[in-house]
Structures are given as C-alpha cells and as structure tokens.
Protein backbone atom coordinates (compact mmCIF):
# COMPACT_ATOMS: atom_id res chain seq x y z
CA MET A 1 154.60 -5.86 57.91
CA ASN A 2 152.38 -8.79 58.90
CA ALA A 3 149.27 -7.49 60.68
CA GLU A 4 149.86 -9.97 63.51
CA ARG A 5 153.19 -8.32 64.21
CA GLN A 6 152.41 -4.65 63.68
CA ASN A 7 152.35 -3.96 67.43
CA LEU A 8 155.74 -5.55 68.00
CA PRO A 9 158.77 -3.27 68.37
CA PHE A 10 160.71 -4.81 65.47
CA ASP A 11 159.99 -7.47 62.86
CA TYR A 12 162.94 -9.80 63.35
CA ASP A 13 161.39 -12.46 61.12
CA ALA A 14 161.52 -10.08 58.18
CA GLU A 15 165.00 -8.84 59.05
CA LEU A 16 166.45 -12.35 59.33
CA ARG A 17 164.57 -14.03 56.47
CA ARG A 18 167.72 -15.18 54.67
CA TYR A 19 169.39 -16.42 57.84
CA HIS A 20 166.18 -18.27 58.67
CA ARG A 21 166.59 -20.46 55.59
CA ARG A 22 170.18 -21.21 56.51
CA LEU A 23 169.19 -22.19 60.04
CA LEU A 24 166.41 -24.50 58.83
CA THR A 25 168.94 -26.46 56.79
CA ALA A 26 171.34 -26.73 59.73
CA MET A 27 168.56 -27.76 62.13
CA ASP A 28 167.63 -30.78 59.99
CA VAL A 29 164.64 -31.59 62.21
CA GLY A 30 163.81 -35.31 62.32
CA PRO A 31 160.28 -36.79 62.34
CA ALA A 32 160.52 -37.82 66.00
CA ASP A 33 162.55 -34.91 67.41
CA HIS A 34 161.56 -33.06 70.56
CA VAL A 35 162.84 -29.55 69.95
CA LEU A 36 163.72 -26.73 72.36
CA ASP A 37 163.84 -23.27 70.75
CA ILE A 38 165.83 -20.84 72.93
CA GLY A 39 164.89 -17.17 72.62
CA CYS A 40 162.10 -18.08 70.22
CA GLY A 41 160.72 -14.56 69.69
CA THR A 42 157.43 -14.76 67.79
CA GLY A 43 158.01 -18.47 67.27
CA LEU A 44 158.75 -18.79 63.56
CA THR A 45 161.62 -21.23 64.09
CA THR A 46 159.57 -23.15 66.68
CA ARG A 47 156.66 -23.53 64.27
CA GLU A 48 158.98 -24.68 61.49
CA ALA A 49 160.46 -27.26 63.86
CA ALA A 50 156.96 -28.45 64.82
CA ARG A 51 156.10 -28.93 61.16
CA GLY A 52 159.24 -30.99 60.68
CA THR A 53 158.66 -33.40 63.54
CA VAL A 54 155.68 -35.62 62.82
CA SER A 55 155.54 -37.61 66.05
CA GLY A 56 157.60 -35.23 68.18
CA SER A 57 157.03 -31.72 69.50
CA ALA A 58 158.54 -28.25 69.74
CA VAL A 59 158.76 -25.90 72.73
CA GLY A 60 159.71 -22.24 72.36
CA VAL A 61 160.88 -20.13 75.30
CA ASP A 62 161.43 -16.38 75.44
CA ILE A 63 161.61 -13.80 78.23
CA SER A 64 159.29 -11.41 76.37
CA ALA A 65 155.61 -11.79 77.26
CA LEU A 66 154.61 -9.94 74.08
CA MET A 67 156.69 -12.22 71.87
CA VAL A 68 155.34 -15.35 73.54
CA ALA A 69 151.73 -14.17 73.27
CA THR A 70 152.23 -13.48 69.56
CA ALA A 71 153.91 -16.85 69.05
CA ARG A 72 150.96 -18.62 70.65
CA ARG A 73 148.47 -16.72 68.52
CA LEU A 74 150.30 -17.46 65.29
CA SER A 75 150.69 -21.17 66.09
CA GLU A 76 146.96 -21.39 66.83
CA GLN A 77 146.22 -19.75 63.48
CA ASP A 78 148.45 -22.30 61.79
CA GLY A 79 146.59 -25.15 63.51
CA LEU A 80 149.75 -26.66 65.00
CA ARG A 81 149.03 -29.10 67.82
CA ASN A 82 152.56 -30.24 68.67
CA VAL A 83 153.97 -26.84 69.66
CA ARG A 84 153.81 -24.75 72.80
CA PHE A 85 155.44 -21.60 74.13
CA GLU A 86 156.56 -20.52 77.59
CA GLN A 87 157.65 -17.16 78.92
CA ALA A 88 160.86 -18.28 80.60
CA ASP A 89 164.51 -17.45 81.14
CA ALA A 90 166.51 -20.31 79.64
CA GLN A 91 169.33 -19.60 82.09
CA ILE A 92 167.33 -20.82 85.08
CA HIS A 93 164.11 -22.39 83.82
CA PRO A 94 163.55 -25.91 85.24
CA PHE A 95 163.32 -27.78 81.95
CA PRO A 96 162.62 -31.51 82.19
CA ALA A 97 165.96 -33.26 82.40
CA GLU A 98 167.29 -35.01 79.28
CA HIS A 99 164.01 -34.44 77.45
CA PHE A 100 164.89 -32.70 74.19
CA SER A 101 166.65 -34.31 71.24
CA LEU A 102 167.42 -31.01 69.49
CA GLY A 103 168.11 -27.49 70.77
CA ILE A 104 167.92 -24.53 68.38
CA SER A 105 168.33 -20.76 68.60
CA ARG A 106 168.14 -17.97 66.05
CA PHE A 107 170.18 -15.13 67.55
CA GLY A 108 168.76 -15.84 71.00
CA THR A 109 171.74 -17.10 73.01
CA MET A 110 173.97 -14.00 72.96
CA PHE A 111 172.06 -12.10 75.65
CA PHE A 112 172.58 -14.35 78.68
CA THR A 113 173.82 -12.49 81.76
CA ASP A 114 175.36 -15.76 82.99
CA PRO A 115 176.23 -17.78 79.87
CA ASP A 116 177.97 -20.52 81.86
CA ALA A 117 174.80 -21.20 83.85
CA ALA A 118 172.65 -20.84 80.75
CA PHE A 119 174.44 -23.38 78.59
CA THR A 120 174.77 -25.78 81.52
CA ASN A 121 171.02 -25.55 82.07
CA ILE A 122 170.35 -26.09 78.37
CA ALA A 123 172.69 -29.09 78.34
CA ARG A 124 170.74 -30.64 81.23
CA ALA A 125 167.54 -30.30 79.21
CA LEU A 126 169.04 -32.12 76.21
CA ARG A 127 169.38 -35.85 75.93
CA PRO A 128 172.88 -37.33 75.75
CA GLY A 129 173.91 -37.09 72.11
CA ALA A 130 171.34 -34.39 71.31
CA ARG A 131 172.36 -31.59 68.96
CA LEU A 132 172.44 -27.86 69.69
CA VAL A 133 172.26 -25.57 66.63
CA GLN A 134 172.52 -21.82 67.09
CA LEU A 135 172.94 -18.72 64.95
CA VAL A 136 174.95 -15.89 66.54
CA TRP A 137 176.41 -12.66 65.22
CA GLN A 138 180.06 -12.37 64.29
CA ASP A 139 182.06 -9.36 65.49
CA ARG A 140 180.42 -5.97 65.01
CA ARG A 141 183.07 -4.90 62.48
CA HIS A 142 181.36 -7.33 60.06
CA GLN A 143 177.88 -5.86 60.61
CA GLU A 144 176.97 -3.06 58.22
CA TRP A 145 173.66 -2.56 60.05
CA ASP A 146 175.50 -1.89 63.31
CA ALA A 147 177.93 0.52 61.66
CA MET A 148 175.03 2.34 60.03
CA ILE A 149 173.34 3.01 63.36
CA ARG A 150 176.54 4.03 65.11
CA ASP A 151 177.67 6.30 62.26
CA ALA A 152 174.33 8.06 62.22
CA LEU A 153 173.66 8.35 65.94
CA ALA A 154 176.86 8.02 67.96
CA ASP A 155 178.56 11.05 66.34
CA GLY A 156 181.94 10.15 67.82
CA ARG A 157 180.58 9.02 71.18
CA THR A 158 181.27 5.55 72.55
CA PRO A 159 178.01 3.60 72.31
CA PRO A 160 176.67 2.45 75.68
CA VAL A 161 176.37 -1.22 76.59
CA PRO A 162 173.01 -2.26 75.09
CA ALA A 163 170.19 -2.39 77.64
CA GLY A 164 169.14 -5.79 76.35
CA GLY A 165 172.60 -7.33 76.48
CA ASP A 166 175.54 -7.63 74.09
CA PRO A 167 174.49 -9.05 70.70
CA PHE A 168 178.15 -9.89 69.97
CA SER A 169 178.94 -11.82 73.15
CA LEU A 170 179.44 -15.07 71.19
CA ALA A 171 181.30 -13.51 68.27
CA ASP A 172 184.61 -15.14 69.26
CA PRO A 173 184.42 -18.81 68.20
CA ALA A 174 187.14 -19.81 70.67
CA ALA A 175 185.25 -18.23 73.57
CA ALA A 176 182.01 -19.85 72.44
CA GLU A 177 183.73 -23.23 72.24
CA ARG A 178 185.09 -22.85 75.77
CA LEU A 179 181.61 -22.04 77.08
CA LEU A 180 180.02 -25.01 75.35
CA THR A 181 182.77 -27.41 76.35
CA ALA A 182 182.50 -26.36 79.99
CA ALA A 183 178.74 -26.95 79.81
CA GLY A 184 179.25 -30.52 78.60
CA PHE A 185 179.04 -30.20 74.82
CA ILE A 186 181.30 -32.00 72.36
CA HIS A 187 181.90 -32.02 68.58
CA ILE A 188 181.61 -28.25 68.34
CA HIS A 189 181.69 -26.87 64.80
CA VAL A 190 181.53 -23.25 63.64
CA THR A 191 180.40 -22.27 60.12
CA ASP A 192 180.79 -18.82 58.56
CA VAL A 193 177.47 -17.53 57.19
CA ARG A 194 177.08 -14.28 55.26
CA GLU A 195 173.64 -12.91 54.41
CA PRO A 196 172.14 -9.42 54.13
CA VAL A 197 169.49 -8.35 56.63
CA TYR A 198 166.25 -6.61 55.66
CA TYR A 199 165.00 -3.42 57.31
CA GLY A 200 161.93 -2.46 55.32
CA PRO A 201 160.44 -1.72 51.89
CA ASN A 202 161.60 1.91 51.87
CA ALA A 203 163.72 4.40 53.81
CA GLU A 204 160.88 5.71 55.97
CA ALA A 205 159.76 2.23 57.06
CA ALA A 206 163.35 1.18 57.71
CA SER A 207 164.03 4.33 59.74
CA ASN A 208 160.97 3.68 61.90
CA ALA A 209 162.11 0.08 62.42
CA VAL A 210 165.63 1.12 63.42
CA ARG A 211 164.27 3.72 65.85
CA SER A 212 162.50 0.94 67.77
CA LEU A 213 165.76 -0.90 68.51
CA TRP A 214 167.32 -0.80 71.98
CA MET A 215 170.62 0.29 70.48
CA THR A 216 169.01 3.29 68.78
CA GLN A 217 167.08 4.33 71.85
CA ASP A 218 170.21 4.12 74.00
CA LEU A 219 172.18 6.30 71.59
CA LEU A 220 169.43 8.92 71.42
CA ALA A 221 168.74 9.00 75.16
CA ASP A 222 171.23 11.72 76.11
CA LEU A 223 170.73 13.99 73.09
CA ASN A 224 168.77 17.23 73.20
CA PRO A 225 165.89 17.74 70.71
CA ALA A 226 168.04 19.52 68.12
CA GLN A 227 170.76 16.87 68.27
CA THR A 228 168.16 14.13 68.06
CA GLU A 229 166.66 15.63 64.92
CA GLN A 230 170.07 15.94 63.29
CA ALA A 231 170.93 12.35 64.20
CA LEU A 232 167.67 11.04 62.78
CA GLN A 233 168.22 12.95 59.55
CA ARG A 234 171.66 11.34 59.22
CA LEU A 235 170.06 7.96 59.88
CA LEU A 236 167.44 8.49 57.18
CA ALA A 237 170.07 9.54 54.65
CA ILE A 238 172.26 6.50 55.31
CA ILE A 239 169.28 4.18 55.09
CA ALA A 240 168.05 5.77 51.85
CA ALA A 241 171.46 5.12 50.28
CA HIS A 242 170.89 1.38 50.81
CA HIS A 243 167.60 1.19 48.97
CA THR A 244 167.43 -1.52 46.34
CA GLY A 245 164.62 -2.69 44.11
CA ASP A 246 163.75 -5.12 46.89
CA GLY A 247 163.83 -2.75 49.88
CA ILE A 248 166.50 -1.75 52.38
CA TRP A 249 169.26 -4.30 53.00
CA PHE A 250 172.52 -4.23 54.99
CA ASP A 251 175.43 -6.66 54.90
CA SER A 252 176.08 -8.91 57.88
CA ARG A 253 177.93 -12.04 58.98
CA ALA A 254 177.05 -14.71 61.49
CA TRP A 255 178.20 -18.06 62.81
CA ILE A 256 176.19 -21.25 62.81
CA ILE A 257 177.52 -23.10 65.84
CA THR A 258 176.63 -26.76 66.15
CA ALA A 259 177.45 -29.00 69.09
CA GLN A 260 176.43 -32.29 70.64
CA ARG A 261 175.51 -32.87 74.25
CA GLY A 262 178.10 -35.22 75.68
CA TRP A 263 177.35 -38.75 76.70
C-alpha cells in the first residue's frame, strides 16, 4: 500500500484501479473544463481531471476530513496548481452557481441521505449543458465482494443497513434516471461496466483490508469473541480461495451513468 495512504481505513484507489481507467475514458476532460469531483476520497480522480484541463481547474469535495487532508497532501506532492479540495457535503454545500462544466464521481453519489436535494444542488453548480459522469454499483447480487463478506460474517443473519449509507442506492437505472430528471438533467445514459476489484497482494492483507470496512464492522458488532474468531476464519478462507498470481480479486459490476444539465 502507498505509504501516503497507510493510515487510511481502506485503499479504494487500489481496489477500484480497473474502474478508474473506465471512468477516465468516460470523463473525457477537456483542456478548459472546470471539474467538480463529488465524493473525491483521496483525490485521485480530481488530480487526473486537473492534469487533463490545461486552462481550467478541478475541485474535489468529500465529507471525510482524513480523505481531504490526504488528497491535499498528494496534490501538493504532484505539484498541481489547478486543483483544490474541500471538506463538504455535496447535498447542501453552497457551490458557486453554474460554475462547473463537468461533474464526476467515482462511487461517491450512492450515500446521499437526501438524493433529491443532492442532485438538485449539484445541478445548480453545473453550467447549462454541462455533463455529469458517475460510477455507481449495480445490485448487490452482481457483487462477489459483497457476497464474500456476507457469506463469511452474516452466518444467516440479515445484514444491518450500513452505517455509512447504502452503496447500492443507485443500482436501479430507472430510479437513478427519475432522480436525475427531477433534478434537471437530460440525455441520461447508462452503461454496463464489469471489472474485478482488488483487495490486496495476499489473503492476510486482503483480510485486514476487509476488516476495516463499515460493512464488516457492522456484521461483527453483535458477535461474541468466539463467534467473531470463527467468522474471521471463514473470511480468511474465502479470501484465500480468490488468490491469483496478481493478488486477491473479486468480480463486480457497475453502471457508468452520464447526463447533461438541462438548458
């Protein structure tokens, strides 16, 4: 794991490396774009956008202070001068009206508590005709990583609602289209994307990574010590069975949803 990220709870940049390439292509950042990155995490997508816009700029927002601090540090190390980061909730943050020509998000828009307000606020921040490009998870039945955690830790129990929000809240394309349309977006297009996700170089590293996830912590919370140990042993065994010559990978599916802010 990158030394700059070793204190973070989970290395999402490593996990999503193959999806990252797919998102970059869909973003198609122009040389004069002003980009808003929603749920930017440690800022990888924001920095890539900044590199792609020569005379424009990129702004990344995330509710995590730790993520934003790391994003700032990494952008300073890269010497980028047209990028900045803000700790902010995109649902309510007072973005400058009609300022951005491109909105992007890599698995950052599924966790809104009020998605109607969130997408309306994002639409206000985008210029008329601006594009919004987002990656979101498809239904959990298509996520091998989710099934792995539930099979190992739930042991027949119904998993609780994740503390950080539902990662599959935008899995239904029709529901996502209704949200975006109500917020003022047009020309909505949904593309099926299938890529494996990476959890670490070996079973031990992957197990430690999975244990840091909200979902894992929620499932372990009501177990006694003996049950916890048994659950973690099941987790390690399932992870070990997915070891390849290139580390631990699990199948997954996502949507790339593109839209245009109406005129």
